[in-house]
PDB file of N, CA and C in Angstrom:
ATOM      1  N   MET A   1      91.057  88.069 113.388  1.00  0.00           N
ATOM      2  CA  MET A   1      89.805  87.407 113.084  1.00  0.00           C
ATOM      3  C   MET A   1      88.792  87.639 114.208  1.00  0.00           C
ATOM      4  N   ARG A   2      89.259  87.656 115.439  1.00  0.00           N
ATOM      5  CA  ARG A   2      88.335  87.839 116.567  1.00  0.00           C
ATOM      6  C   ARG A   2      87.571  89.153 116.489  1.00  0.00           C
ATOM      7  N   GLU A   3      88.243  90.186 115.943  1.00  0.00           N
ATOM      8  CA  GLU A   3      87.617  91.505 115.884  1.00  0.00           C
ATOM      9  C   GLU A   3      86.398  91.548 114.969  1.00  0.00           C
ATOM     10  N   ILE A   4      86.250  90.595 114.054  1.00  0.00           N
ATOM     11  CA  ILE A   4      85.122  90.615 113.129  1.00  0.00           C
ATOM     12  C   ILE A   4      84.025  89.614 113.486  1.00  0.00           C
ATOM     13  N   LEU A   5      84.253  88.803 114.514  1.00  0.00           N
ATOM     14  CA  LEU A   5      83.290  87.755 114.847  1.00  0.00           C
ATOM     15  C   LEU A   5      81.910  88.280 115.244  1.00  0.00           C
ATOM     16  N   SER A   6      81.853  89.375 115.988  1.00  0.00           N
ATOM     17  CA  SER A   6      80.537  89.883 116.400  1.00  0.00           C
ATOM     18  C   SER A   6      79.741  90.364 115.196  1.00  0.00           C
ATOM     19  N   ASP A   7      80.402  90.986 114.229  1.00  0.00           N
ATOM     20  CA  ASP A   7      79.696  91.399 113.015  1.00  0.00           C
ATOM     21  C   ASP A   7      79.222  90.184 112.215  1.00  0.00           C
ATOM     22  N   ILE A   8      80.066  89.175 112.108  1.00  0.00           N
ATOM     23  CA  ILE A   8      79.673  87.958 111.392  1.00  0.00           C
ATOM     24  C   ILE A   8      78.467  87.321 112.072  1.00  0.00           C
ATOM     25  N   ASP A   9      78.483  87.221 113.390  1.00  0.00           N
ATOM     26  CA  ASP A   9      77.338  86.659 114.120  1.00  0.00           C
ATOM     27  C   ASP A   9      76.072  87.471 113.870  1.00  0.00           C
ATOM     28  N   HIS A  10      76.204  88.795 113.881  1.00  0.00           N
ATOM     29  CA  HIS A  10      75.053  89.664 113.630  1.00  0.00           C
ATOM     30  C   HIS A  10      74.501  89.434 112.219  1.00  0.00           C
ATOM     31  N   TRP A  11      75.388  89.385 111.228  1.00  0.00           N
ATOM     32  CA  TRP A  11      74.939  89.154 109.847  1.00  0.00           C
ATOM     33  C   TRP A  11      74.326  87.775 109.694  1.00  0.00           C
ATOM     34  N   ARG A  12      74.880  86.810 110.394  1.00  0.00           N
ATOM     35  CA  ARG A  12      74.323  85.460 110.329  1.00  0.00           C
ATOM     36  C   ARG A  12      72.898  85.449 110.878  1.00  0.00           C
ATOM     37  N   SER A  13      72.656  86.172 111.979  1.00  0.00           N
ATOM     38  CA  SER A  13      71.312  86.228 112.561  1.00  0.00           C
ATOM     39  C   SER A  13      70.320  86.885 111.605  1.00  0.00           C
ATOM     40  N   GLN A  14      70.822  87.662 110.655  1.00  0.00           N
ATOM     41  CA  GLN A  14      69.980  88.304 109.645  1.00  0.00           C
ATOM     42  C   GLN A  14      69.934  87.505 108.341  1.00  0.00           C
ATOM     43  N   ASN A  15      70.513  86.310 108.353  1.00  0.00           N
ATOM     44  CA  ASN A  15      70.561  85.428 107.174  1.00  0.00           C
ATOM     45  C   ASN A  15      71.246  86.075 105.972  1.00  0.00           C
ATOM     46  N   LYS A  16      72.271  86.861 106.220  1.00  0.00           N
ATOM     47  CA  LYS A  16      73.028  87.484 105.140  1.00  0.00           C
ATOM     48  C   LYS A  16      74.187  86.589 104.743  1.00  0.00           C
ATOM     49  N   ARG A  17      74.482  86.561 103.469  1.00  0.00           N
ATOM     50  CA  ARG A  17      75.644  85.832 102.978  1.00  0.00           C
ATOM     51  C   ARG A  17      76.888  86.663 103.268  1.00  0.00           C
ATOM     52  N   VAL A  18      77.982  85.987 103.590  1.00  0.00           N
ATOM     53  CA  VAL A  18      79.219  86.655 104.006  1.00  0.00           C
ATOM     54  C   VAL A  18      80.417  85.988 103.333  1.00  0.00           C
ATOM     55  N   ALA A  19      81.361  86.799 102.902  1.00  0.00           N
ATOM     56  CA  ALA A  19      82.649  86.305 102.404  1.00  0.00           C
ATOM     57  C   ALA A  19      83.736  86.798 103.342  1.00  0.00           C
ATOM     58  N   ILE A  20      84.761  85.973 103.492  1.00  0.00           N
ATOM     59  CA  ILE A  20      85.916  86.308 104.320  1.00  0.00           C
ATOM     60  C   ILE A  20      87.136  86.436 103.416  1.00  0.00           C
ATOM     61  N   ALA A  21      87.878  87.519 103.596  1.00  0.00           N
ATOM     62  CA  ALA A  21      89.156  87.710 102.908  1.00  0.00           C
ATOM     63  C   ALA A  21      90.248  87.618 103.961  1.00  0.00           C
ATOM     64  N   ARG A  22      91.269  86.807 103.687  1.00  0.00           N
ATOM     65  CA  ARG A  22      92.382  86.648 104.630  1.00  0.00           C
ATOM     66  C   ARG A  22      93.703  86.894 103.921  1.00  0.00           C
ATOM     67  N   VAL A  23      94.593  87.597 104.603  1.00  0.00           N
ATOM     68  CA  VAL A  23      95.958  87.732 104.094  1.00  0.00           C
ATOM     69  C   VAL A  23      96.633  86.386 104.324  1.00  0.00           C
ATOM     70  N   VAL A  24      97.088  85.753 103.230  1.00  0.00           N
ATOM     71  CA  VAL A  24      97.746  84.455 103.368  1.00  0.00           C
ATOM     72  C   VAL A  24      99.249  84.543 103.142  1.00  0.00           C
ATOM     73  N   ASP A  25      99.703  85.644 102.518  1.00  0.00           N
ATOM     74  CA  ASP A  25     101.143  85.807 102.295  1.00  0.00           C
ATOM     75  C   ASP A  25     101.402  87.253 101.890  1.00  0.00           C
ATOM     76  N   ILE A  26     102.600  87.706 102.175  1.00  0.00           N
ATOM     77  CA  ILE A  26     103.056  89.003 101.666  1.00  0.00           C
ATOM     78  C   ILE A  26     104.466  88.819 101.134  1.00  0.00           C
ATOM     79  N   GLU A  27     104.775  89.564 100.107  1.00  0.00           N
ATOM     80  CA  GLU A  27     106.134  89.589  99.563  1.00  0.00           C
ATOM     81  C   GLU A  27     106.642  91.009  99.734  1.00  0.00           C
ATOM     82  N   GLY A  28     107.773  91.157 100.353  1.00  0.00           N
ATOM     83  CA  GLY A  28     108.300  92.491 100.599  1.00  0.00           C
ATOM     84  C   GLY A  28     107.515  93.166 101.706  1.00  0.00           C
ATOM     85  N   SER A  29     107.304  94.450 101.546  1.00  0.00           N
ATOM     86  CA  SER A  29     106.587  95.230 102.539  1.00  0.00           C
ATOM     87  C   SER A  29     105.090  95.104 102.312  1.00  0.00           C
ATOM     88  N   GLY A  30     104.347  94.915 103.395  1.00  0.00           N
ATOM     89  CA  GLY A  30     102.895  94.820 103.290  1.00  0.00           C
ATOM     90  C   GLY A  30     102.220  95.555 104.418  1.00  0.00           C
ATOM     91  N   PRO A  31     101.010  96.039 104.183  1.00  0.00           N
ATOM     92  CA  PRO A  31     100.326  96.817 105.199  1.00  0.00           C
ATOM     93  C   PRO A  31      99.829  96.003 106.392  1.00  0.00           C
ATOM     94  N   ARG A  32      99.484  94.746 106.183  1.00  0.00           N
ATOM     95  CA  ARG A  32      99.003  93.878 107.275  1.00  0.00           C
ATOM     96  C   ARG A  32      99.684  92.524 107.159  1.00  0.00           C
ATOM     97  N   ASP A  33      99.872  91.864 108.285  1.00  0.00           N
ATOM     98  CA  ASP A  33     100.533  90.561 108.313  1.00  0.00           C
ATOM     99  C   ASP A  33      99.577  89.441 107.912  1.00  0.00           C
ATOM    100  N   PRO A  34     100.132  88.285 107.496  1.00  0.00           N
ATOM    101  CA  PRO A  34      99.277  87.127 107.238  1.00  0.00           C
ATOM    102  C   PRO A  34      98.406  86.831 108.458  1.00  0.00           C
ATOM    103  N   GLY A  35      97.173  86.472 108.179  1.00  0.00           N
ATOM    104  CA  GLY A  35      96.205  86.230 109.240  1.00  0.00           C
ATOM    105  C   GLY A  35      95.197  87.355 109.370  1.00  0.00           C
ATOM    106  N   ALA A  36      95.554  88.550 108.898  1.00  0.00           N
ATOM    107  CA  ALA A  36      94.593  89.659 108.945  1.00  0.00           C
ATOM    108  C   ALA A  36      93.364  89.272 108.125  1.00  0.00           C
ATOM    109  N   ALA A  37      92.186  89.651 108.618  1.00  0.00           N
ATOM    110  CA  ALA A  37      90.952  89.228 107.956  1.00  0.00           C
ATOM    111  C   ALA A  37      89.947  90.359 107.846  1.00  0.00           C
ATOM    112  N   MET A  38      89.105  90.220 106.846  1.00  0.00           N
ATOM    113  CA  MET A  38      88.031  91.171 106.603  1.00  0.00           C
ATOM    114  C   MET A  38      86.808  90.368 106.167  1.00  0.00           C
ATOM    115  N   ALA A  39      85.645  90.757 106.680  1.00  0.00           N
ATOM    116  CA  ALA A  39      84.388  90.127 106.283  1.00  0.00           C
ATOM    117  C   ALA A  39      83.573  91.130 105.484  1.00  0.00           C
ATOM    118  N   VAL A  40      82.883  90.624 104.464  1.00  0.00           N
ATOM    119  CA  VAL A  40      82.030  91.454 103.616  1.00  0.00           C
ATOM    120  C   VAL A  40      80.700  90.734 103.475  1.00  0.00           C
ATOM    121  N   ASN A  41      79.594  91.433 103.768  1.00  0.00           N
ATOM    122  CA  ASN A  41      78.302  90.774 103.580  1.00  0.00           C
ATOM    123  C   ASN A  41      77.727  91.108 102.209  1.00  0.00           C
ATOM    124  N   GLN A  42      76.633  90.470 101.872  1.00  0.00           N
ATOM    125  CA  GLN A  42      76.031  90.607 100.547  1.00  0.00           C
ATOM    126  C   GLN A  42      75.613  92.034 100.218  1.00  0.00           C
ATOM    127  N   ASP A  43      75.458  92.867 101.232  1.00  0.00           N
ATOM    128  CA  ASP A  43      75.081  94.261 101.022  1.00  0.00           C
ATOM    129  C   ASP A  43      76.290  95.187 100.909  1.00  0.00           C
ATOM    130  N   GLY A  44      77.499  94.617 100.988  1.00  0.00           N
ATOM    131  CA  GLY A  44      78.712  95.417 100.889  1.00  0.00           C
ATOM    132  C   GLY A  44      79.185  96.003 102.199  1.00  0.00           C
ATOM    133  N   GLU A  45      78.554  95.612 103.312  1.00  0.00           N
ATOM    134  CA  GLU A  45      79.028  96.070 104.618  1.00  0.00           C
ATOM    135  C   GLU A  45      80.318  95.333 104.946  1.00  0.00           C
ATOM    136  N   VAL A  46      81.257  96.031 105.611  1.00  0.00           N
ATOM    137  CA  VAL A  46      82.595  95.509 105.845  1.00  0.00           C
ATOM    138  C   VAL A  46      82.933  95.528 107.321  1.00  0.00           C
ATOM    139  N   SER A  47      83.669  94.505 107.743  1.00  0.00           N
ATOM    140  CA  SER A  47      84.216  94.447 109.094  1.00  0.00           C
ATOM    141  C   SER A  47      85.655  93.970 108.989  1.00  0.00           C
ATOM    142  N   GLY A  48      86.559  94.625 109.700  1.00  0.00           N
ATOM    143  CA  GLY A  48      87.967  94.230 109.676  1.00  0.00           C
ATOM    144  C   GLY A  48      88.718  94.888 108.537  1.00  0.00           C
ATOM    145  N   SER A  49      89.979  94.486 108.371  1.00  0.00           N
ATOM    146  CA  SER A  49      90.835  95.090 107.361  1.00  0.00           C
ATOM    147  C   SER A  49      91.925  94.119 106.946  1.00  0.00           C
ATOM    148  N   VAL A  50      92.232  94.107 105.659  1.00  0.00           N
ATOM    149  CA  VAL A  50      93.338  93.292 105.168  1.00  0.00           C
ATOM    150  C   VAL A  50      94.497  94.136 104.654  1.00  0.00           C
ATOM    151  N   SER A  51      94.272  95.466 104.586  1.00  0.00           N
ATOM    152  CA  SER A  51      95.336  96.299 104.037  1.00  0.00           C
ATOM    153  C   SER A  51      95.424  97.675 104.676  1.00  0.00           C
ATOM    154  N   GLY A  52      94.755  97.879 105.777  1.00  0.00           N
ATOM    155  CA  GLY A  52      94.784  99.191 106.387  1.00  0.00           C
ATOM    156  C   GLY A  52      94.094 100.251 105.548  1.00  0.00           C
ATOM    157  N   GLY A  53      93.315  99.823 104.567  1.00  0.00           N
ATOM    158  CA  GLY A  53      92.527 100.743 103.767  1.00  0.00           C
ATOM    159  C   GLY A  53      92.960 100.900 102.326  1.00  0.00           C
ATOM    160  N   CYS A  54      94.189 100.510 101.983  1.00  0.00           N
ATOM    161  CA  CYS A  54      94.681 100.852 100.651  1.00  0.00           C
ATOM    162  C   CYS A  54      94.094 100.005  99.519  1.00  0.00           C
ATOM    163  N   VAL A  55      93.654  98.797  99.749  1.00  0.00           N
ATOM    164  CA  VAL A  55      93.014  98.012  98.679  1.00  0.00           C
ATOM    165  C   VAL A  55      91.646  97.478  99.093  1.00  0.00           C
ATOM    166  N   GLU A  56      91.101  97.983 100.183  1.00  0.00           N
ATOM    167  CA  GLU A  56      89.838  97.449 100.701  1.00  0.00           C
ATOM    168  C   GLU A  56      88.710  97.490  99.666  1.00  0.00           C
ATOM    169  N   GLY A  57      88.608  98.586  98.910  1.00  0.00           N
ATOM    170  CA  GLY A  57      87.546  98.697  97.912  1.00  0.00           C
ATOM    171  C   GLY A  57      87.619  97.598  96.873  1.00  0.00           C
ATOM    172  N   ALA A  58      88.820  97.295  96.405  1.00  0.00           N
ATOM    173  CA  ALA A  58      88.997  96.224  95.427  1.00  0.00           C
ATOM    174  C   ALA A  58      88.684  94.871  96.039  1.00  0.00           C
ATOM    175  N   VAL A  59      89.013  94.676  97.308  1.00  0.00           N
ATOM    176  CA  VAL A  59      88.722  93.417  97.991  1.00  0.00           C
ATOM    177  C   VAL A  59      87.207  93.238  98.165  1.00  0.00           C
ATOM    178  N   VAL A  60      86.502  94.320  98.501  1.00  0.00           N
ATOM    179  CA  VAL A  60      85.041  94.262  98.613  1.00  0.00           C
ATOM    180  C   VAL A  60      84.442  93.845  97.277  1.00  0.00           C
ATOM    181  N   ALA A  61      84.912  94.423  96.183  1.00  0.00           N
ATOM    182  CA  ALA A  61      84.399  94.067  94.856  1.00  0.00           C
ATOM    183  C   ALA A  61      84.625  92.586  94.560  1.00  0.00           C
ATOM    184  N   GLU A  62      85.807  92.072  94.887  1.00  0.00           N
ATOM    185  CA  GLU A  62      86.103  90.642  94.686  1.00  0.00           C
ATOM    186  C   GLU A  62      85.182  89.774  95.543  1.00  0.00           C
ATOM    187  N   ALA A  63      84.986  90.167  96.800  1.00  0.00           N
ATOM    188  CA  ALA A  63      84.142  89.389  97.705  1.00  0.00           C
ATOM    189  C   ALA A  63      82.701  89.359  97.214  1.00  0.00           C
ATOM    190  N   LEU A  64      82.197  90.488  96.766  1.00  0.00           N
ATOM    191  CA  LEU A  64      80.827  90.533  96.262  1.00  0.00           C
ATOM    192  C   LEU A  64      80.673  89.694  94.999  1.00  0.00           C
ATOM    193  N   GLU A  65      81.688  89.695  94.155  1.00  0.00           N
ATOM    194  CA  GLU A  65      81.660  88.853  92.957  1.00  0.00           C
ATOM    195  C   GLU A  65      81.631  87.373  93.330  1.00  0.00           C
ATOM    196  N   ILE A  66      82.416  87.004  94.320  1.00  0.00           N
ATOM    197  CA  ILE A  66      82.432  85.610  94.781  1.00  0.00           C
ATOM    198  C   ILE A  66      81.064  85.212  95.330  1.00  0.00           C
ATOM    199  N   LEU A  67      80.460  86.094  96.128  1.00  0.00           N
ATOM    200  CA  LEU A  67      79.133  85.791  96.666  1.00  0.00           C
ATOM    201  C   LEU A  67      78.091  85.681  95.559  1.00  0.00           C
ATOM    202  N   ALA A  68      78.162  86.539  94.558  1.00  0.00           N
ATOM    203  CA  ALA A  68      77.189  86.531  93.466  1.00  0.00           C
ATOM    204  C   ALA A  68      77.341  85.316  92.556  1.00  0.00           C
ATOM    205  N   SER A  69      78.554  84.805  92.445  1.00  0.00           N
ATOM    206  CA  SER A  69      78.808  83.703  91.518  1.00  0.00           C
ATOM    207  C   SER A  69      78.761  82.337  92.182  1.00  0.00           C
ATOM    208  N   ASP A  70      78.540  82.297  93.481  1.00  0.00           N
ATOM    209  CA  ASP A  70      78.565  81.040  94.233  1.00  0.00           C
ATOM    210  C   ASP A  70      79.894  80.310  94.093  1.00  0.00           C
ATOM    211  N   SER A  71      80.964  81.066  93.932  1.00  0.00           N
ATOM    212  CA  SER A  71      82.306  80.505  93.846  1.00  0.00           C
ATOM    213  C   SER A  71      82.704  79.898  95.187  1.00  0.00           C
ATOM    214  N   ALA A  72      83.601  78.920  95.136  1.00  0.00           N
ATOM    215  CA  ALA A  72      84.132  78.328  96.362  1.00  0.00           C
ATOM    216  C   ALA A  72      85.218  79.205  96.965  1.00  0.00           C
ATOM    217  N   GLY A  73      85.661  80.200  96.228  1.00  0.00           N
ATOM    218  CA  GLY A  73      86.705  81.096  96.697  1.00  0.00           C
ATOM    219  C   GLY A  73      87.860  81.133  95.729  1.00  0.00           C
ATOM    220  N   ARG A  74      88.731  82.121  95.938  1.00  0.00           N
ATOM    221  CA  ARG A  74      89.891  82.221  95.054  1.00  0.00           C
ATOM    222  C   ARG A  74      91.008  83.024  95.717  1.00  0.00           C
ATOM    223  N   LEU A  75      92.191  82.800  95.200  1.00  0.00           N
ATOM    224  CA  LEU A  75      93.382  83.526  95.630  1.00  0.00           C
ATOM    225  C   LEU A  75      93.524  84.751  94.735  1.00  0.00           C
ATOM    226  N   VAL A  76      93.711  85.908  95.336  1.00  0.00           N
ATOM    227  CA  VAL A  76      93.937  87.142  94.583  1.00  0.00           C
ATOM    228  C   VAL A  76      95.172  87.820  95.137  1.00  0.00           C
ATOM    229  N   LYS A  77      95.790  88.666  94.324  1.00  0.00           N
ATOM    230  CA  LYS A  77      96.971  89.371  94.813  1.00  0.00           C
ATOM    231  C   LYS A  77      96.943  90.806  94.322  1.00  0.00           C
ATOM    232  N   PHE A  78      97.520  91.654  95.133  1.00  0.00           N
ATOM    233  CA  PHE A  78      97.692  93.055  94.802  1.00  0.00           C
ATOM    234  C   PHE A  78      99.136  93.405  95.103  1.00  0.00           C
ATOM    235  N   GLY A  79      99.772  94.088  94.176  1.00  0.00           N
ATOM    236  CA  GLY A  79     101.159  94.439  94.389  1.00  0.00           C
ATOM    237  C   GLY A  79     101.515  95.760  93.764  1.00  0.00           C
ATOM    238  N   TYR A  80     102.689  96.212  94.078  1.00  0.00           N
ATOM    239  CA  TYR A  80     103.140  97.520  93.622  1.00  0.00           C
ATOM    240  C   TYR A  80     103.102  97.635  92.110  1.00  0.00           C
ATOM    241  N   SER A  81     103.408  96.558  91.401  1.00  0.00           N
ATOM    242  CA  SER A  81     103.415  96.619  89.941  1.00  0.00           C
ATOM    243  C   SER A  81     102.035  96.369  89.347  1.00  0.00           C
ATOM    244  N   ASP A  82     101.088  96.011  90.163  1.00  0.00           N
ATOM    245  CA  ASP A  82      99.718  95.774  89.718  1.00  0.00           C
ATOM    246  C   ASP A  82      99.021  97.131  89.561  1.00  0.00           C
ATOM    247  N   ASP A  83      98.631  97.471  88.339  1.00  0.00           N
ATOM    248  CA  ASP A  83      98.031  98.787  88.067  1.00  0.00           C
ATOM    249  C   ASP A  83      96.832  99.064  88.957  1.00  0.00           C
ATOM    250  N   GLU A  84      95.982  98.050  89.164  1.00  0.00           N
ATOM    251  CA  GLU A  84      94.798  98.262  89.996  1.00  0.00           C
ATOM    252  C   GLU A  84      95.192  98.552  91.436  1.00  0.00           C
ATOM    253  N   ALA A  85      96.136  97.792  91.967  1.00  0.00           N
ATOM    254  CA  ALA A  85      96.562  98.018  93.350  1.00  0.00           C
ATOM    255  C   ALA A  85      97.178  99.401  93.504  1.00  0.00           C
ATOM    256  N   PHE A  86      97.997  99.798  92.534  1.00  0.00           N
ATOM    257  CA  PHE A  86      98.601 101.125  92.614  1.00  0.00           C
ATOM    258  C   PHE A  86      97.529 102.202  92.551  1.00  0.00           C
ATOM    259  N   ALA A  87      96.532 101.986  91.704  1.00  0.00           N
ATOM    260  CA  ALA A  87      95.458 102.974  91.553  1.00  0.00           C
ATOM    261  C   ALA A  87      94.668 103.148  92.843  1.00  0.00           C
ATOM    262  N   VAL A  88      94.528 102.074  93.642  1.00  0.00           N
ATOM    263  CA  VAL A  88      93.775 102.187  94.888  1.00  0.00           C
ATOM    264  C   VAL A  88      94.674 102.485  96.077  1.00  0.00           C
ATOM    265  N   GLY A  89      95.977 102.613  95.855  1.00  0.00           N
ATOM    266  CA  GLY A  89      96.829 103.124  96.917  1.00  0.00           C
ATOM    267  C   GLY A  89      97.822 102.172  97.546  1.00  0.00           C
ATOM    268  N   LEU A  90      98.022 100.975  97.013  1.00  0.00           N
ATOM    269  CA  LEU A  90      98.996 100.052  97.593  1.00  0.00           C
ATOM    270  C   LEU A  90     100.376 100.422  97.073  1.00  0.00           C
ATOM    271  N   THR A  91     101.007 101.353  97.733  1.00  0.00           N
ATOM    272  CA  THR A  91     102.306 101.851  97.280  1.00  0.00           C
ATOM    273  C   THR A  91     103.427 101.438  98.224  1.00  0.00           C
ATOM    274  N   CYS A  92     103.186 100.442  99.057  1.00  0.00           N
ATOM    275  CA  CYS A  92     104.186 100.055 100.055  1.00  0.00           C
ATOM    276  C   CYS A  92     105.332  99.263  99.447  1.00  0.00           C
ATOM    277  N   GLY A  93     105.217  98.890  98.184  1.00  0.00           N
ATOM    278  CA  GLY A  93     106.312  98.213  97.520  1.00  0.00           C
ATOM    279  C   GLY A  93     106.244  96.707  97.574  1.00  0.00           C
ATOM    280  N   GLY A  94     105.242  96.151  98.234  1.00  0.00           N
ATOM    281  CA  GLY A  94     105.134  94.705  98.339  1.00  0.00           C
ATOM    282  C   GLY A  94     103.958  94.151  97.567  1.00  0.00           C
ATOM    283  N   VAL A  95     103.755  92.850  97.750  1.00  0.00           N
ATOM    284  CA  VAL A  95     102.633  92.150  97.140  1.00  0.00           C
ATOM    285  C   VAL A  95     101.850  91.483  98.264  1.00  0.00           C
ATOM    286  N   VAL A  96     100.535  91.663  98.251  1.00  0.00           N
ATOM    287  CA  VAL A  96      99.658  91.070  99.254  1.00  0.00           C
ATOM    288  C   VAL A  96      98.856  89.970  98.582  1.00  0.00           C
ATOM    289  N   HIS A  97      98.928  88.749  99.134  1.00  0.00           N
ATOM    290  CA  HIS A  97      98.151  87.615  98.624  1.00  0.00           C
ATOM    291  C   HIS A  97      96.980  87.383  99.577  1.00  0.00           C
ATOM    292  N   LEU A  98      95.783  87.334  99.020  1.00  0.00           N
ATOM    293  CA  LEU A  98      94.570  87.128  99.812  1.00  0.00           C
ATOM    294  C   LEU A  98      93.826  85.903  99.322  1.00  0.00           C
ATOM    295  N   PHE A  99      93.210  85.192 100.251  1.00  0.00           N
ATOM    296  CA  PHE A  99      92.260  84.145  99.872  1.00  0.00           C
ATOM    297  C   PHE A  99      90.891  84.640 100.310  1.00  0.00           C
ATOM    298  N   ILE A 100      89.975  84.699  99.351  1.00  0.00           N
ATOM    299  CA  ILE A 100      88.622  85.172  99.615  1.00  0.00           C
ATOM    300  C   ILE A 100      87.659  84.019  99.365  1.00  0.00           C
ATOM    301  N   GLN A 101      86.820  83.741 100.367  1.00  0.00           N
ATOM    302  CA  GLN A 101      85.876  82.628 100.243  1.00  0.00           C
ATOM    303  C   GLN A 101      84.573  82.952 100.963  1.00  0.00           C
ATOM    304  N   PRO A 102      83.480  82.360 100.487  1.00  0.00           N
ATOM    305  CA  PRO A 102      82.210  82.561 101.176  1.00  0.00           C
ATOM    306  C   PRO A 102      82.167  81.728 102.449  1.00  0.00           C
ATOM    307  N   LEU A 103      81.478  82.239 103.458  1.00  0.00           N
ATOM    308  CA  LEU A 103      81.226  81.448 104.658  1.00  0.00           C
ATOM    309  C   LEU A 103      80.000  80.587 104.407  1.00  0.00           C
ATOM    310  N   ASN A 104      80.067  79.366 104.806  1.00  0.00           N
ATOM    311  CA  ASN A 104      78.916  78.471 104.685  1.00  0.00           C
ATOM    312  C   ASN A 104      78.385  78.203 106.081  1.00  0.00           C
ATOM    313  N   TRP A 105      77.161  78.657 106.328  1.00  0.00           N
ATOM    314  CA  TRP A 105      76.577  78.453 107.646  1.00  0.00           C
ATOM    315  C   TRP A 105      76.308  76.993 107.822  1.00  0.00           C
TER     316      TRP A 105
END
């Protein structure tokens, strides 16, 4: 989380809306451990990583949807048997659970 704080501060100074995605659980093998975080601003700029790159695009899409809908956040998962996760490259054999929520200044 510390690695993304400077970007979040910069986006905040520009009055940009930001969503945070956090790994909250993994089942089996996963690319990043629980606690890994990624920030996405309203323009689709990204800081940090929740999967080492294999599902980042799908996570950005979820984060932007949350920001656009004024959602309080939601739990999402990507796993080996999930067609979308496999299509974007999550082939490590595990399931990654993420909680994505907007930051409220």
